[in-house]
């Protein structure tokens, strides 16, 4: 059994895998097939311990004090007056 670091996004036997994922307990035969295609490499012990480290793009939009994104300010804060209110 081998541990593999995915180098390129691809569809594997068990579904979709992205670059940077760690696949644990992979059979040696399957590992060799994927390594020949350049899709995986053997993962180091430190990489296996750290687990999947997917890089996310940072959201650079403005945020309030809580770290949440600010909702866009509405152009009209008051609801329209109902036409049949006098009825």
C-alpha atoms as a PDB file:
ATOM      1  CA  UNK A   1       0.000   0.000   0.000  1.00  0.00           C
ATOM      2  CA  UNK A   2       1.226   3.462  -0.905  1.00  0.00           C
ATOM      3  CA  UNK A   3       0.253   7.038  -0.165  1.00  0.00           C
ATOM      4  CA  UNK A   4       0.012   9.334  -3.176  1.00  0.00           C
ATOM      5  CA  UNK A   5       0.010  13.093  -3.724  1.00  0.00           C
ATOM      6  CA  UNK A   6      -2.225  14.051  -6.661  1.00  0.00           C
ATOM      7  CA  UNK A   7      -0.341  16.263  -9.125  1.00  0.00           C
ATOM      8  CA  UNK A   8      -3.105  16.887 -11.677  1.00  0.00           C
ATOM      9  CA  UNK A   9      -6.888  17.057 -11.405  1.00  0.00           C
ATOM     10  CA  UNK A  10      -8.448  13.918 -12.883  1.00  0.00           C
ATOM     11  CA  UNK A  11     -11.331  11.471 -12.576  1.00  0.00           C
ATOM     12  CA  UNK A  12     -10.154   8.388 -10.736  1.00  0.00           C
ATOM     13  CA  UNK A  13     -11.664   5.015  -9.920  1.00  0.00           C
ATOM     14  CA  UNK A  14     -13.491   6.457  -6.926  1.00  0.00           C
ATOM     15  CA  UNK A  15     -14.501   9.751  -8.522  1.00  0.00           C
ATOM     16  CA  UNK A  16     -13.104  13.240  -8.901  1.00  0.00           C
ATOM     17  CA  UNK A  17      -9.702  14.106  -7.362  1.00  0.00           C
ATOM     18  CA  UNK A  18      -8.058  17.523  -7.364  1.00  0.00           C
ATOM     19  CA  UNK A  19      -4.405  18.496  -7.373  1.00  0.00           C
ATOM     20  CA  UNK A  20      -2.986  18.537  -3.849  1.00  0.00           C
ATOM     21  CA  UNK A  21      -5.170  15.734  -2.475  1.00  0.00           C
ATOM     22  CA  UNK A  22      -3.544  12.903  -0.517  1.00  0.00           C
ATOM     23  CA  UNK A  23      -4.717   9.409  -1.439  1.00  0.00           C
ATOM     24  CA  UNK A  24      -3.898   6.913   1.296  1.00  0.00           C
ATOM     25  CA  UNK A  25      -3.581   3.133   1.143  1.00  0.00           C
ATOM     26  CA  UNK A  26      -3.457   2.917  -2.644  1.00  0.00           C
ATOM     27  CA  UNK A  27      -2.424  -0.423  -4.122  1.00  0.00           C
ATOM     28  CA  UNK A  28       1.065  -0.520  -5.572  1.00  0.00           C
ATOM     29  CA  UNK A  29      -0.220  -1.589  -8.983  1.00  0.00           C
ATOM     30  CA  UNK A  30      -2.711   1.314  -9.220  1.00  0.00           C
ATOM     31  CA  UNK A  31      -0.085   3.765  -7.918  1.00  0.00           C
ATOM     32  CA  UNK A  32       2.377   2.694 -10.619  1.00  0.00           C
ATOM     33  CA  UNK A  33      -0.273   3.128 -13.346  1.00  0.00           C
ATOM     34  CA  UNK A  34      -1.081   6.672 -12.226  1.00  0.00           C
ATOM     35  CA  UNK A  35       2.578   7.550 -11.688  1.00  0.00           C
ATOM     36  CA  UNK A  36       3.411   6.531 -15.278  1.00  0.00           C
ATOM     37  CA  UNK A  37       0.702   8.941 -16.498  1.00  0.00           C
ATOM     38  CA  UNK A  38       2.182  11.728 -14.348  1.00  0.00           C
ATOM     39  CA  UNK A  39      -0.977  12.135 -12.251  1.00  0.00           C
ATOM     40  CA  UNK A  40       0.486  11.253  -8.822  1.00  0.00           C
ATOM     41  CA  UNK A  41       3.750  10.939  -6.921  1.00  0.00           C
ATOM     42  CA  UNK A  42       4.578   9.224  -3.648  1.00  0.00           C
ATOM     43  CA  UNK A  43       3.567  11.403  -0.700  1.00  0.00           C
ATOM     44  CA  UNK A  44       6.031  12.084   2.096  1.00  0.00           C
ATOM     45  CA  UNK A  45       5.179  11.241   5.700  1.00  0.00           C
ATOM     46  CA  UNK A  46       4.823  14.956   6.491  1.00  0.00           C
ATOM     47  CA  UNK A  47       2.338  15.416   3.618  1.00  0.00           C
ATOM     48  CA  UNK A  48       0.260  12.455   4.780  1.00  0.00           C
ATOM     49  CA  UNK A  49       0.209  13.813   8.332  1.00  0.00           C
ATOM     50  CA  UNK A  50      -0.825  17.302   7.133  1.00  0.00           C
ATOM     51  CA  UNK A  51      -3.561  15.857   4.931  1.00  0.00           C
ATOM     52  CA  UNK A  52      -5.273  17.614   2.047  1.00  0.00           C
ATOM     53  CA  UNK A  53      -4.081  21.235   1.737  1.00  0.00           C
ATOM     54  CA  UNK A  54      -6.230  22.724  -1.003  1.00  0.00           C
ATOM     55  CA  UNK A  55      -5.266  26.279  -1.931  1.00  0.00           C
ATOM     56  CA  UNK A  56      -8.252  28.621  -1.825  1.00  0.00           C
ATOM     57  CA  UNK A  57      -8.316  31.991  -3.509  1.00  0.00           C
ATOM     58  CA  UNK A  58      -8.624  34.761  -0.936  1.00  0.00           C
ATOM     59  CA  UNK A  59     -11.771  36.880  -1.156  1.00  0.00           C
ATOM     60  CA  UNK A  60     -10.548  40.453  -1.372  1.00  0.00           C
ATOM     61  CA  UNK A  61     -13.962  42.102  -1.183  1.00  0.00           C
ATOM     62  CA  UNK A  62     -14.659  44.453   1.718  1.00  0.00           C
ATOM     63  CA  UNK A  63     -15.818  42.925   4.980  1.00  0.00           C
ATOM     64  CA  UNK A  64     -17.179  44.198   8.274  1.00  0.00           C
ATOM     65  CA  UNK A  65     -15.581  43.570  11.685  1.00  0.00           C
ATOM     66  CA  UNK A  66     -16.839  39.965  11.875  1.00  0.00           C
ATOM     67  CA  UNK A  67     -14.964  38.889   8.757  1.00  0.00           C
ATOM     68  CA  UNK A  68     -18.187  38.371   6.809  1.00  0.00           C
ATOM     69  CA  UNK A  69     -18.672  39.914   3.394  1.00  0.00           C
ATOM     70  CA  UNK A  70     -20.786  43.053   3.385  1.00  0.00           C
ATOM     71  CA  UNK A  71     -24.066  42.803   1.530  1.00  0.00           C
ATOM     72  CA  UNK A  72     -24.522  45.382  -1.202  1.00  0.00           C
ATOM     73  CA  UNK A  73     -26.353  48.489   0.017  1.00  0.00           C
ATOM     74  CA  UNK A  74     -29.933  48.541  -1.291  1.00  0.00           C
ATOM     75  CA  UNK A  75     -30.812  51.478  -3.524  1.00  0.00           C
ATOM     76  CA  UNK A  76     -34.286  51.855  -1.948  1.00  0.00           C
ATOM     77  CA  UNK A  77     -34.629  50.934   1.723  1.00  0.00           C
ATOM     78  CA  UNK A  78     -38.358  51.711   2.010  1.00  0.00           C
ATOM     79  CA  UNK A  79     -40.968  49.386   0.593  1.00  0.00           C
ATOM     80  CA  UNK A  80     -43.415  50.951  -1.851  1.00  0.00           C
ATOM     81  CA  UNK A  81     -46.745  52.147  -0.499  1.00  0.00           C
ATOM     82  CA  UNK A  82     -49.552  49.700  -1.363  1.00  0.00           C
ATOM     83  CA  UNK A  83     -51.992  51.079  -3.932  1.00  0.00           C
ATOM     84  CA  UNK A  84     -55.084  49.620  -2.181  1.00  0.00           C
ATOM     85  CA  UNK A  85     -54.350  50.756   1.382  1.00  0.00           C
ATOM     86  CA  UNK A  86     -57.383  53.146   1.501  1.00  0.00           C
ATOM     87  CA  UNK A  87     -59.826  50.444   0.431  1.00  0.00           C
END
